[in-house]
Amino acid sequence: MTGALAPVKPLTALDRCDRCGAQAYIRATLPVGGELLFCAHHGRQHIAALREKGADILDESARLSETPSIAPNDER
């Protein structure tokens, strides 16, 4: 074992919150192995405690406020 971490894959629409089933935007990788996925709401509730326990946090919740690069045309 080299100790190198595997690259972290981005979260997709298929990743769901372990708490409520909504789309996950936060991944907490636990130091003992395994991971937890959270929506932004539940992630904010648990992120501080998870960090205290040594979890590695990937927070993609900023994607919620991004504007798409190509906005749909509203002409009909």
C-alpha atoms as a PDB file:
ATOM      1  CA  MET A   1       0.000   0.000   0.000  1.00  0.00           C
ATOM      2  CA  THR A   2       1.441   3.347  -1.050  1.00  0.00           C
ATOM      3  CA  GLY A   3      -0.730   5.630   1.073  1.00  0.00           C
ATOM      4  CA  ALA A   4      -1.743   7.632  -2.010  1.00  0.00           C
ATOM      5  CA  LEU A   5      -5.374   8.615  -2.125  1.00  0.00           C
ATOM      6  CA  ALA A   6      -7.481   7.637  -5.111  1.00  0.00           C
ATOM      7  CA  PRO A   7      -8.825  10.578  -7.104  1.00  0.00           C
ATOM      8  CA  VAL A   8     -12.230  11.690  -5.862  1.00  0.00           C
ATOM      9  CA  LYS A   9     -14.919  11.440  -8.500  1.00  0.00           C
ATOM     10  CA  PRO A  10     -17.405  14.315  -8.684  1.00  0.00           C
ATOM     11  CA  LEU A  11     -20.922  13.755  -7.408  1.00  0.00           C
ATOM     12  CA  THR A  12     -23.613  13.219 -10.051  1.00  0.00           C
ATOM     13  CA  ALA A  13     -27.401  13.394 -10.143  1.00  0.00           C
ATOM     14  CA  LEU A  14     -27.431   9.657  -9.379  1.00  0.00           C
ATOM     15  CA  ASP A  15     -25.772  10.210  -5.977  1.00  0.00           C
ATOM     16  CA  ARG A  16     -28.479  10.518  -3.330  1.00  0.00           C
ATOM     17  CA  CYS A  17     -28.521  11.825   0.241  1.00  0.00           C
ATOM     18  CA  ASP A  18     -28.280   9.002   2.783  1.00  0.00           C
ATOM     19  CA  ARG A  19     -30.655  10.924   5.018  1.00  0.00           C
ATOM     20  CA  CYS A  20     -33.547  11.941   2.735  1.00  0.00           C
ATOM     21  CA  GLY A  21     -32.874  10.707  -0.799  1.00  0.00           C
ATOM     22  CA  ALA A  22     -32.444  14.155  -2.404  1.00  0.00           C
ATOM     23  CA  GLN A  23     -29.530  14.783  -4.769  1.00  0.00           C
ATOM     24  CA  ALA A  24     -26.238  14.648  -2.873  1.00  0.00           C
ATOM     25  CA  TYR A  25     -23.853  17.594  -2.980  1.00  0.00           C
ATOM     26  CA  ILE A  26     -21.618  16.620  -0.038  1.00  0.00           C
ATOM     27  CA  ARG A  27     -19.514  13.464   0.351  1.00  0.00           C
ATOM     28  CA  ALA A  28     -17.931  12.632   3.705  1.00  0.00           C
ATOM     29  CA  THR A  29     -15.233   9.971   3.451  1.00  0.00           C
ATOM     30  CA  LEU A  30     -14.788   8.441   6.882  1.00  0.00           C
ATOM     31  CA  PRO A  31     -11.327   7.693   8.305  1.00  0.00           C
ATOM     32  CA  VAL A  32     -12.361   4.101   9.124  1.00  0.00           C
ATOM     33  CA  GLY A  33     -13.534   3.561   5.531  1.00  0.00           C
ATOM     34  CA  GLY A  34     -16.794   4.128   3.780  1.00  0.00           C
ATOM     35  CA  GLU A  35     -18.560   7.313   2.891  1.00  0.00           C
ATOM     36  CA  LEU A  36     -21.739   9.214   3.601  1.00  0.00           C
ATOM     37  CA  LEU A  37     -23.597  11.324   1.055  1.00  0.00           C
ATOM     38  CA  PHE A  38     -25.737  14.316   1.983  1.00  0.00           C
ATOM     39  CA  CYS A  39     -27.890  16.920   0.297  1.00  0.00           C
ATOM     40  CA  ALA A  40     -26.805  20.488   1.061  1.00  0.00           C
ATOM     41  CA  HIS A  41     -29.353  20.819   3.889  1.00  0.00           C
ATOM     42  CA  HIS A  42     -28.331  17.669   5.781  1.00  0.00           C
ATOM     43  CA  GLY A  43     -24.669  18.229   4.974  1.00  0.00           C
ATOM     44  CA  ARG A  44     -24.776  21.595   6.734  1.00  0.00           C
ATOM     45  CA  GLN A  45     -26.337  19.890   9.753  1.00  0.00           C
ATOM     46  CA  HIS A  46     -23.620  17.233  10.066  1.00  0.00           C
ATOM     47  CA  ILE A  47     -20.457  18.624   8.443  1.00  0.00           C
ATOM     48  CA  ALA A  48     -18.880  20.085  11.612  1.00  0.00           C
ATOM     49  CA  ALA A  49     -19.258  16.842  13.588  1.00  0.00           C
ATOM     50  CA  LEU A  50     -17.925  14.801  10.669  1.00  0.00           C
ATOM     51  CA  ARG A  51     -14.851  17.051  10.367  1.00  0.00           C
ATOM     52  CA  GLU A  52     -14.227  16.700  14.122  1.00  0.00           C
ATOM     53  CA  LYS A  53     -14.228  12.920  13.641  1.00  0.00           C
ATOM     54  CA  GLY A  54     -11.601  13.237  10.883  1.00  0.00           C
ATOM     55  CA  ALA A  55     -13.812  12.809   7.824  1.00  0.00           C
ATOM     56  CA  ASP A  56     -12.573  14.145   4.491  1.00  0.00           C
ATOM     57  CA  ILE A  57     -15.305  16.397   3.073  1.00  0.00           C
ATOM     58  CA  LEU A  58     -16.064  17.055  -0.590  1.00  0.00           C
ATOM     59  CA  ASP A  59     -18.578  19.922  -0.688  1.00  0.00           C
ATOM     60  CA  GLU A  60     -20.072  20.670  -4.111  1.00  0.00           C
ATOM     61  CA  SER A  61     -23.064  22.605  -2.749  1.00  0.00           C
ATOM     62  CA  ALA A  62     -21.879  25.769  -4.541  1.00  0.00           C
ATOM     63  CA  ARG A  63     -23.197  24.133  -7.729  1.00  0.00           C
ATOM     64  CA  LEU A  64     -26.700  24.935  -6.470  1.00  0.00           C
ATOM     65  CA  SER A  65     -26.196  28.642  -7.138  1.00  0.00           C
ATOM     66  CA  GLU A  66     -24.386  28.322 -10.482  1.00  0.00           C
ATOM     67  CA  THR A  67     -26.008  29.651 -13.639  1.00  0.00           C
ATOM     68  CA  PRO A  68     -25.874  27.244 -16.573  1.00  0.00           C
ATOM     69  CA  SER A  69     -23.470  28.322 -19.311  1.00  0.00           C
ATOM     70  CA  ILE A  70     -26.303  28.095 -21.859  1.00  0.00           C
ATOM     71  CA  ALA A  71     -29.634  29.325 -20.564  1.00  0.00           C
ATOM     72  CA  PRO A  72     -32.729  27.900 -22.245  1.00  0.00           C
ATOM     73  CA  ASN A  73     -34.419  30.196 -24.720  1.00  0.00           C
ATOM     74  CA  ASP A  74     -37.893  31.137 -23.479  1.00  0.00           C
ATOM     75  CA  GLU A  75     -39.214  32.003 -26.950  1.00  0.00           C
ATOM     76  CA  ARG A  76     -42.223  29.998 -28.093  1.00  0.00           C
END
